[in-house]
Amino acid sequence: MCRNIKLLFNFDPPVTEEEVRAASLQFVRKISGFNKPSKANEAAFYSALDDIAAISMRLLTSLETTAPPKNREEEAAKAKERSMARFGD
């Protein structure tokens, strides 16, 4: 599950709320053990998701770096090359 959480800091274009929410969802799924919560746990699950997404966005927008922003397409190509070398797919 957590392999789907992508690095989100220092990219051009900057991170979107959708990307932060997707990463937060993966995190909440991992630590709760639920892919989809039961009705009894649904409110707590989605409340935690909202809180973690908000905190993550606050973190990402407050971080600073002197490094130039990474290009999303170049980083995706590098990841694909690593995957090909590792799995041969």
PDB file of N, CA and C in Angstrom:
ATOM      1  N   MET A   1       0.803  -1.201   0.000  1.00  0.00           N
ATOM      2  CA  MET A   1       0.000   0.000   0.000  1.00  0.00           C
ATOM      3  C   MET A   1       0.842   1.261   0.000  1.00  0.00           C
ATOM      4  N   CYS A   2       1.797   1.379   0.898  1.00  0.00           N
ATOM      5  CA  CYS A   2       2.550   2.629   1.032  1.00  0.00           C
ATOM      6  C   CYS A   2       3.462   2.897  -0.152  1.00  0.00           C
ATOM      7  N   ARG A   3       3.691   1.914  -0.989  1.00  0.00           N
ATOM      8  CA  ARG A   3       4.511   2.177  -2.164  1.00  0.00           C
ATOM      9  C   ARG A   3       3.834   3.167  -3.090  1.00  0.00           C
ATOM     10  N   ASN A   4       2.532   3.338  -2.929  1.00  0.00           N
ATOM     11  CA  ASN A   4       1.787   4.276  -3.768  1.00  0.00           C
ATOM     12  C   ASN A   4       1.913   5.712  -3.286  1.00  0.00           C
ATOM     13  N   ILE A   5       2.480   5.920  -2.114  1.00  0.00           N
ATOM     14  CA  ILE A   5       2.654   7.280  -1.619  1.00  0.00           C
ATOM     15  C   ILE A   5       3.866   7.863  -2.317  1.00  0.00           C
ATOM     16  N   LYS A   6       3.632   8.913  -3.062  1.00  0.00           N
ATOM     17  CA  LYS A   6       4.678   9.531  -3.868  1.00  0.00           C
ATOM     18  C   LYS A   6       5.299  10.724  -3.150  1.00  0.00           C
ATOM     19  N   LEU A   7       6.553  10.986  -3.470  1.00  0.00           N
ATOM     20  CA  LEU A   7       7.221  12.195  -3.000  1.00  0.00           C
ATOM     21  C   LEU A   7       6.474  13.387  -3.581  1.00  0.00           C
ATOM     22  N   LEU A   8       6.144  14.357  -2.746  1.00  0.00           N
ATOM     23  CA  LEU A   8       5.316  15.476  -3.203  1.00  0.00           C
ATOM     24  C   LEU A   8       5.988  16.836  -3.087  1.00  0.00           C
ATOM     25  N   PHE A   9       7.136  16.915  -2.459  1.00  0.00           N
ATOM     26  CA  PHE A   9       7.774  18.205  -2.223  1.00  0.00           C
ATOM     27  C   PHE A   9       8.746  18.572  -3.335  1.00  0.00           C
ATOM     28  N   ASN A  10       8.776  19.852  -3.664  1.00  0.00           N
ATOM     29  CA  ASN A  10       9.739  20.458  -4.577  1.00  0.00           C
ATOM     30  C   ASN A  10       9.596  19.967  -6.018  1.00  0.00           C
ATOM     31  N   PHE A  11       8.374  20.040  -6.512  1.00  0.00           N
ATOM     32  CA  PHE A  11       8.119  19.698  -7.897  1.00  0.00           C
ATOM     33  C   PHE A  11       7.569  20.901  -8.636  1.00  0.00           C
ATOM     34  N   ASP A  12       7.768  20.910  -9.932  1.00  0.00           N
ATOM     35  CA  ASP A  12       7.188  21.917 -10.790  1.00  0.00           C
ATOM     36  C   ASP A  12       6.334  21.193 -11.821  1.00  0.00           C
ATOM     37  N   PRO A  13       5.046  21.367 -11.865  1.00  0.00           N
ATOM     38  CA  PRO A  13       4.228  22.258 -11.050  1.00  0.00           C
ATOM     39  C   PRO A  13       4.092  21.736  -9.626  1.00  0.00           C
ATOM     40  N   PRO A  14       3.744  22.636  -8.701  1.00  0.00           N
ATOM     41  CA  PRO A  14       3.631  22.254  -7.291  1.00  0.00           C
ATOM     42  C   PRO A  14       2.549  21.198  -7.053  1.00  0.00           C
ATOM     43  N   VAL A  15       2.612  20.593  -5.894  1.00  0.00           N
ATOM     44  CA  VAL A  15       1.667  19.563  -5.491  1.00  0.00           C
ATOM     45  C   VAL A  15       0.235  20.110  -5.506  1.00  0.00           C
ATOM     46  N   THR A  16      -0.709  19.223  -5.840  1.00  0.00           N
ATOM     47  CA  THR A  16      -2.118  19.609  -5.831  1.00  0.00           C
ATOM     48  C   THR A  16      -2.804  19.000  -4.609  1.00  0.00           C
ATOM     49  N   GLU A  17      -3.958  19.536  -4.276  1.00  0.00           N
ATOM     50  CA  GLU A  17      -4.729  18.988  -3.157  1.00  0.00           C
ATOM     51  C   GLU A  17      -5.137  17.541  -3.425  1.00  0.00           C
ATOM     52  N   GLU A  18      -5.407  17.203  -4.672  1.00  0.00           N
ATOM     53  CA  GLU A  18      -5.781  15.835  -5.028  1.00  0.00           C
ATOM     54  C   GLU A  18      -4.634  14.862  -4.768  1.00  0.00           C
ATOM     55  N   GLU A  19      -3.410  15.273  -5.091  1.00  0.00           N
ATOM     56  CA  GLU A  19      -2.248  14.416  -4.847  1.00  0.00           C
ATOM     57  C   GLU A  19      -2.017  14.214  -3.351  1.00  0.00           C
ATOM     58  N   VAL A  20      -2.178  15.278  -2.584  1.00  0.00           N
ATOM     59  CA  VAL A  20      -2.010  15.180  -1.134  1.00  0.00           C
ATOM     60  C   VAL A  20      -3.087  14.274  -0.548  1.00  0.00           C
ATOM     61  N   ARG A  21      -4.308  14.419  -1.007  1.00  0.00           N
ATOM     62  CA  ARG A  21      -5.402  13.587  -0.496  1.00  0.00           C
ATOM     63  C   ARG A  21      -5.178  12.115  -0.854  1.00  0.00           C
ATOM     64  N   ALA A  22      -4.696  11.834  -2.053  1.00  0.00           N
ATOM     65  CA  ALA A  22      -4.436  10.445  -2.450  1.00  0.00           C
ATOM     66  C   ALA A  22      -3.350   9.826  -1.576  1.00  0.00           C
ATOM     67  N   ALA A  23      -2.293  10.573  -1.299  1.00  0.00           N
ATOM     68  CA  ALA A  23      -1.231  10.069  -0.427  1.00  0.00           C
ATOM     69  C   ALA A  23      -1.753   9.878   0.996  1.00  0.00           C
ATOM     70  N   SER A  24      -2.582  10.798   1.452  1.00  0.00           N
ATOM     71  CA  SER A  24      -3.155  10.696   2.791  1.00  0.00           C
ATOM     72  C   SER A  24      -4.072   9.481   2.903  1.00  0.00           C
ATOM     73  N   LEU A  25      -4.831   9.217   1.849  1.00  0.00           N
ATOM     74  CA  LEU A  25      -5.704   8.045   1.836  1.00  0.00           C
ATOM     75  C   LEU A  25      -4.886   6.759   1.960  1.00  0.00           C
ATOM     76  N   GLN A  26      -3.793   6.668   1.229  1.00  0.00           N
ATOM     77  CA  GLN A  26      -2.937   5.487   1.316  1.00  0.00           C
ATOM     78  C   GLN A  26      -2.390   5.317   2.732  1.00  0.00           C
ATOM     79  N   PHE A  27      -2.006   6.427   3.357  1.00  0.00           N
ATOM     80  CA  PHE A  27      -1.476   6.384   4.718  1.00  0.00           C
ATOM     81  C   PHE A  27      -2.544   5.905   5.702  1.00  0.00           C
ATOM     82  N   VAL A  28      -3.740   6.466   5.618  1.00  0.00           N
ATOM     83  CA  VAL A  28      -4.823   6.084   6.527  1.00  0.00           C
ATOM     84  C   VAL A  28      -5.202   4.611   6.306  1.00  0.00           C
ATOM     85  N   ARG A  29      -5.233   4.178   5.062  1.00  0.00           N
ATOM     86  CA  ARG A  29      -5.510   2.768   4.775  1.00  0.00           C
ATOM     87  C   ARG A  29      -4.460   1.859   5.411  1.00  0.00           C
ATOM     88  N   LYS A  30      -3.210   2.264   5.296  1.00  0.00           N
ATOM     89  CA  LYS A  30      -2.117   1.441   5.814  1.00  0.00           C
ATOM     90  C   LYS A  30      -2.182   1.321   7.330  1.00  0.00           C
ATOM     91  N   ILE A  31      -2.318   2.457   8.018  1.00  0.00           N
ATOM     92  CA  ILE A  31      -2.263   2.380   9.473  1.00  0.00           C
ATOM     93  C   ILE A  31      -3.549   1.831  10.083  1.00  0.00           C
ATOM     94  N   SER A  32      -4.694   1.952   9.380  1.00  0.00           N
ATOM     95  CA  SER A  32      -5.946   1.429   9.918  1.00  0.00           C
ATOM     96  C   SER A  32      -6.148  -0.042   9.555  1.00  0.00           C
ATOM     97  N   GLY A  33      -5.540  -0.455   8.461  1.00  0.00           N
ATOM     98  CA  GLY A  33      -5.750  -1.817   7.988  1.00  0.00           C
ATOM     99  C   GLY A  33      -7.020  -1.965   7.166  1.00  0.00           C
ATOM    100  N   PHE A  34      -7.706  -0.858   6.894  1.00  0.00           N
ATOM    101  CA  PHE A  34      -8.945  -0.889   6.115  1.00  0.00           C
ATOM    102  C   PHE A  34      -8.705  -0.315   4.732  1.00  0.00           C
ATOM    103  N   ASN A  35      -9.112  -1.055   3.719  1.00  0.00           N
ATOM    104  CA  ASN A  35      -9.136  -0.484   2.378  1.00  0.00           C
ATOM    105  C   ASN A  35     -10.365   0.401   2.254  1.00  0.00           C
ATOM    106  N   LYS A  36     -11.466  -0.082   2.805  1.00  0.00           N
ATOM    107  CA  LYS A  36     -12.714   0.678   2.887  1.00  0.00           C
ATOM    108  C   LYS A  36     -13.277   0.391   4.275  1.00  0.00           C
ATOM    109  N   PRO A  37     -13.530   1.428   5.066  1.00  0.00           N
ATOM    110  CA  PRO A  37     -14.000   1.194   6.435  1.00  0.00           C
ATOM    111  C   PRO A  37     -15.451   0.710   6.481  1.00  0.00           C
ATOM    112  N   SER A  38     -15.782   0.027   7.568  1.00  0.00           N
ATOM    113  CA  SER A  38     -17.177  -0.359   7.803  1.00  0.00           C
ATOM    114  C   SER A  38     -17.975   0.893   8.144  1.00  0.00           C
ATOM    115  N   LYS A  39     -19.277   0.768   8.128  1.00  0.00           N
ATOM    116  CA  LYS A  39     -20.132   1.915   8.488  1.00  0.00           C
ATOM    117  C   LYS A  39     -19.797   2.419   9.883  1.00  0.00           C
ATOM    118  N   ALA A  40     -19.482   1.516  10.813  1.00  0.00           N
ATOM    119  CA  ALA A  40     -19.167   1.895  12.190  1.00  0.00           C
ATOM    120  C   ALA A  40     -17.889   2.726  12.276  1.00  0.00           C
ATOM    121  N   ASN A  41     -16.955   2.506  11.365  1.00  0.00           N
ATOM    122  CA  ASN A  41     -15.667   3.200  11.394  1.00  0.00           C
ATOM    123  C   ASN A  41     -15.534   4.292  10.340  1.00  0.00           C
ATOM    124  N   GLU A  42     -16.542   4.451   9.529  1.00  0.00           N
ATOM    125  CA  GLU A  42     -16.469   5.381   8.401  1.00  0.00           C
ATOM    126  C   GLU A  42     -16.190   6.826   8.834  1.00  0.00           C
ATOM    127  N   ALA A  43     -16.871   7.323   9.847  1.00  0.00           N
ATOM    128  CA  ALA A  43     -16.687   8.714  10.288  1.00  0.00           C
ATOM    129  C   ALA A  43     -15.268   8.944  10.783  1.00  0.00           C
ATOM    130  N   ALA A  44     -14.749   8.028  11.585  1.00  0.00           N
ATOM    131  CA  ALA A  44     -13.386   8.171  12.105  1.00  0.00           C
ATOM    132  C   ALA A  44     -12.363   8.086  10.984  1.00  0.00           C
ATOM    133  N   PHE A  45     -12.568   7.179  10.043  1.00  0.00           N
ATOM    134  CA  PHE A  45     -11.662   6.986   8.915  1.00  0.00           C
ATOM    135  C   PHE A  45     -11.558   8.261   8.081  1.00  0.00           C
ATOM    136  N   TYR A  46     -12.712   8.816   7.692  1.00  0.00           N
ATOM    137  CA  TYR A  46     -12.700   9.997   6.829  1.00  0.00           C
ATOM    138  C   TYR A  46     -12.303  11.265   7.578  1.00  0.00           C
ATOM    139  N   SER A  47     -12.574  11.313   8.867  1.00  0.00           N
ATOM    140  CA  SER A  47     -12.104  12.441   9.671  1.00  0.00           C
ATOM    141  C   SER A  47     -10.577  12.447   9.737  1.00  0.00           C
ATOM    142  N   ALA A  48     -10.000  11.265   9.957  1.00  0.00           N
ATOM    143  CA  ALA A  48      -8.540  11.154   9.977  1.00  0.00           C
ATOM    144  C   ALA A  48      -7.956  11.503   8.614  1.00  0.00           C
ATOM    145  N   LEU A  49      -8.601  11.063   7.551  1.00  0.00           N
ATOM    146  CA  LEU A  49      -8.150  11.378   6.192  1.00  0.00           C
ATOM    147  C   LEU A  49      -8.125  12.884   5.967  1.00  0.00           C
ATOM    148  N   ASP A  50      -9.184  13.565   6.359  1.00  0.00           N
ATOM    149  CA  ASP A  50      -9.241  15.023   6.206  1.00  0.00           C
ATOM    150  C   ASP A  50      -8.148  15.713   7.021  1.00  0.00           C
ATOM    151  N   ASP A  51      -7.952  15.262   8.266  1.00  0.00           N
ATOM    152  CA  ASP A  51      -6.938  15.865   9.136  1.00  0.00           C
ATOM    153  C   ASP A  51      -5.528  15.667   8.575  1.00  0.00           C
ATOM    154  N   ILE A  52      -5.232  14.457   8.146  1.00  0.00           N
ATOM    155  CA  ILE A  52      -3.890  14.161   7.627  1.00  0.00           C
ATOM    156  C   ILE A  52      -3.639  14.904   6.325  1.00  0.00           C
ATOM    157  N   ALA A  53      -4.641  15.011   5.470  1.00  0.00           N
ATOM    158  CA  ALA A  53      -4.478  15.756   4.220  1.00  0.00           C
ATOM    159  C   ALA A  53      -4.203  17.231   4.510  1.00  0.00           C
ATOM    160  N   ALA A  54      -4.929  17.803   5.461  1.00  0.00           N
ATOM    161  CA  ALA A  54      -4.732  19.216   5.804  1.00  0.00           C
ATOM    162  C   ALA A  54      -3.348  19.451   6.408  1.00  0.00           C
ATOM    163  N   ILE A  55      -2.932  18.580   7.294  1.00  0.00           N
ATOM    164  CA  ILE A  55      -1.608  18.714   7.918  1.00  0.00           C
ATOM    165  C   ILE A  55      -0.507  18.517   6.882  1.00  0.00           C
ATOM    166  N   SER A  56      -0.691  17.562   5.992  1.00  0.00           N
ATOM    167  CA  SER A  56       0.307  17.311   4.946  1.00  0.00           C
ATOM    168  C   SER A  56       0.443  18.506   4.015  1.00  0.00           C
ATOM    169  N   MET A  57      -0.681  19.090   3.636  1.00  0.00           N
ATOM    170  CA  MET A  57      -0.639  20.267   2.762  1.00  0.00           C
ATOM    171  C   MET A  57       0.042  21.430   3.479  1.00  0.00           C
ATOM    172  N   ARG A  58      -0.272  21.606   4.763  1.00  0.00           N
ATOM    173  CA  ARG A  58       0.374  22.666   5.534  1.00  0.00           C
ATOM    174  C   ARG A  58       1.888  22.444   5.592  1.00  0.00           C
ATOM    175  N   LEU A  59       2.305  21.205   5.803  1.00  0.00           N
ATOM    176  CA  LEU A  59       3.733  20.883   5.819  1.00  0.00           C
ATOM    177  C   LEU A  59       4.376  21.202   4.476  1.00  0.00           C
ATOM    178  N   LEU A  60       3.792  20.713   3.400  1.00  0.00           N
ATOM    179  CA  LEU A  60       4.389  20.890   2.079  1.00  0.00           C
ATOM    180  C   LEU A  60       4.477  22.348   1.658  1.00  0.00           C
ATOM    181  N   THR A  61       3.500  23.151   2.047  1.00  0.00           N
ATOM    182  CA  THR A  61       3.539  24.560   1.665  1.00  0.00           C
ATOM    183  C   THR A  61       4.464  25.378   2.552  1.00  0.00           C
ATOM    184  N   SER A  62       4.846  24.844   3.703  1.00  0.00           N
ATOM    185  CA  SER A  62       5.734  25.599   4.589  1.00  0.00           C
ATOM    186  C   SER A  62       7.203  25.201   4.443  1.00  0.00           C
ATOM    187  N   LEU A  63       7.482  24.077   3.788  1.00  0.00           N
ATOM    188  CA  LEU A  63       8.871  23.651   3.597  1.00  0.00           C
ATOM    189  C   LEU A  63       9.595  24.586   2.635  1.00  0.00           C
ATOM    190  N   GLU A  64      10.897  24.739   2.866  1.00  0.00           N
ATOM    191  CA  GLU A  64      11.726  25.571   1.994  1.00  0.00           C
ATOM    192  C   GLU A  64      12.938  24.773   1.535  1.00  0.00           C
ATOM    193  N   THR A  65      13.429  25.108   0.368  1.00  0.00           N
ATOM    194  CA  THR A  65      14.633  24.472  -0.161  1.00  0.00           C
ATOM    195  C   THR A  65      15.318  25.433  -1.129  1.00  0.00           C
ATOM    196  N   THR A  66      16.614  25.244  -1.275  1.00  0.00           N
ATOM    197  CA  THR A  66      17.346  26.018  -2.273  1.00  0.00           C
ATOM    198  C   THR A  66      17.554  25.198  -3.552  1.00  0.00           C
ATOM    199  N   ALA A  67      17.169  23.929  -3.493  1.00  0.00           N
ATOM    200  CA  ALA A  67      17.310  23.059  -4.664  1.00  0.00           C
ATOM    201  C   ALA A  67      16.291  23.451  -5.726  1.00  0.00           C
ATOM    202  N   PRO A  68      16.666  23.338  -6.985  1.00  0.00           N
ATOM    203  CA  PRO A  68      15.698  23.650  -8.039  1.00  0.00           C
ATOM    204  C   PRO A  68      14.572  22.609  -8.043  1.00  0.00           C
ATOM    205  N   PRO A  69      13.361  23.005  -8.422  1.00  0.00           N
ATOM    206  CA  PRO A  69      12.245  22.055  -8.458  1.00  0.00           C
ATOM    207  C   PRO A  69      12.515  20.931  -9.449  1.00  0.00           C
ATOM    208  N   LYS A  70      12.040  19.744  -9.100  1.00  0.00           N
ATOM    209  CA  LYS A  70      12.178  18.587  -9.980  1.00  0.00           C
ATOM    210  C   LYS A  70      11.063  18.617 -11.019  1.00  0.00           C
ATOM    211  N   ASN A  71      11.372  18.070 -12.172  1.00  0.00           N
ATOM    212  CA  ASN A  71      10.398  17.967 -13.249  1.00  0.00           C
ATOM    213  C   ASN A  71       9.627  16.658 -13.080  1.00  0.00           C
ATOM    214  N   ARG A  72       8.312  16.735 -13.034  1.00  0.00           N
ATOM    215  CA  ARG A  72       7.482  15.544 -12.806  1.00  0.00           C
ATOM    216  C   ARG A  72       7.682  14.472 -13.870  1.00  0.00           C
ATOM    217  N   GLU A  73       7.743  14.887 -15.112  1.00  0.00           N
ATOM    218  CA  GLU A  73       7.888  13.914 -16.192  1.00  0.00           C
ATOM    219  C   GLU A  73       9.237  13.201 -16.133  1.00  0.00           C
ATOM    220  N   GLU A  74      10.295  13.957 -15.850  1.00  0.00           N
ATOM    221  CA  GLU A  74      11.627  13.354 -15.743  1.00  0.00           C
ATOM    222  C   GLU A  74      11.692  12.369 -14.580  1.00  0.00           C
ATOM    223  N   GLU A  75      11.112  12.734 -13.446  1.00  0.00           N
ATOM    224  CA  GLU A  75      11.119  11.851 -12.281  1.00  0.00           C
ATOM    225  C   GLU A  75      10.289  10.597 -12.550  1.00  0.00           C
ATOM    226  N   ALA A  76       9.172  10.728 -13.251  1.00  0.00           N
ATOM    227  CA  ALA A  76       8.345   9.572 -13.601  1.00  0.00           C
ATOM    228  C   ALA A  76       9.110   8.635 -14.538  1.00  0.00           C
ATOM    229  N   ALA A  77       9.863   9.206 -15.481  1.00  0.00           N
ATOM    230  CA  ALA A  77      10.658   8.388 -16.403  1.00  0.00           C
ATOM    231  C   ALA A  77      11.753   7.636 -15.654  1.00  0.00           C
ATOM    232  N   LYS A  78      12.394   8.310 -14.697  1.00  0.00           N
ATOM    233  CA  LYS A  78      13.428   7.647 -13.890  1.00  0.00           C
ATOM    234  C   LYS A  78      12.825   6.494 -13.094  1.00  0.00           C
ATOM    235  N   ALA A  79      11.649   6.717 -12.510  1.00  0.00           N
ATOM    236  CA  ALA A  79      10.985   5.662 -11.735  1.00  0.00           C
ATOM    237  C   ALA A  79      10.628   4.483 -12.625  1.00  0.00           C
ATOM    238  N   LYS A  80      10.185   4.768 -13.840  1.00  0.00           N
ATOM    239  CA  LYS A  80       9.844   3.693 -14.774  1.00  0.00           C
ATOM    240  C   LYS A  80      11.092   2.893 -15.148  1.00  0.00           C
ATOM    241  N   GLU A  81      12.209   3.575 -15.352  1.00  0.00           N
ATOM    242  CA  GLU A  81      13.467   2.886 -15.662  1.00  0.00           C
ATOM    243  C   GLU A  81      13.902   1.999 -14.496  1.00  0.00           C
ATOM    244  N   ARG A  82      13.763   2.502 -13.278  1.00  0.00           N
ATOM    245  CA  ARG A  82      14.121   1.698 -12.093  1.00  0.00           C
ATOM    246  C   ARG A  82      13.235   0.469 -12.000  1.00  0.00           C
ATOM    247  N   SER A  83      11.964   0.646 -12.300  1.00  0.00           N
ATOM    248  CA  SER A  83      11.031  -0.479 -12.257  1.00  0.00           C
ATOM    249  C   SER A  83      11.381  -1.526 -13.323  1.00  0.00           C
ATOM    250  N   MET A  84      11.719  -1.050 -14.502  1.00  0.00           N
ATOM    251  CA  MET A  84      12.098  -1.967 -15.590  1.00  0.00           C
ATOM    252  C   MET A  84      13.349  -2.763 -15.206  1.00  0.00           C
ATOM    253  N   ALA A  85      14.319  -2.074 -14.616  1.00  0.00           N
ATOM    254  CA  ALA A  85      15.550  -2.748 -14.212  1.00  0.00           C
ATOM    255  C   ALA A  85      15.281  -3.765 -13.095  1.00  0.00           C
ATOM    256  N   ARG A  86      14.360  -3.416 -12.222  1.00  0.00           N
ATOM    257  CA  ARG A  86      14.085  -4.278 -11.074  1.00  0.00           C
ATOM    258  C   ARG A  86      13.178  -5.451 -11.436  1.00  0.00           C
ATOM    259  N   PHE A  87      12.117  -5.188 -12.192  1.00  0.00           N
ATOM    260  CA  PHE A  87      11.118  -6.208 -12.453  1.00  0.00           C
ATOM    261  C   PHE A  87      11.100  -6.713 -13.894  1.00  0.00           C
ATOM    262  N   GLY A  88      11.727  -5.965 -14.807  1.00  0.00           N
ATOM    263  CA  GLY A  88      11.771  -6.382 -16.199  1.00  0.00           C
ATOM    264  C   GLY A  88      10.459  -6.242 -16.938  1.00  0.00           C
ATOM    265  N   ASP A  89       9.550  -5.441 -16.404  1.00  0.00           N
ATOM    266  CA  ASP A  89       8.236  -5.252 -17.055  1.00  0.00           C
ATOM    267  C   ASP A  89       8.243  -4.055 -17.943  1.00  0.00           C
TER     268      ASP A  89
END
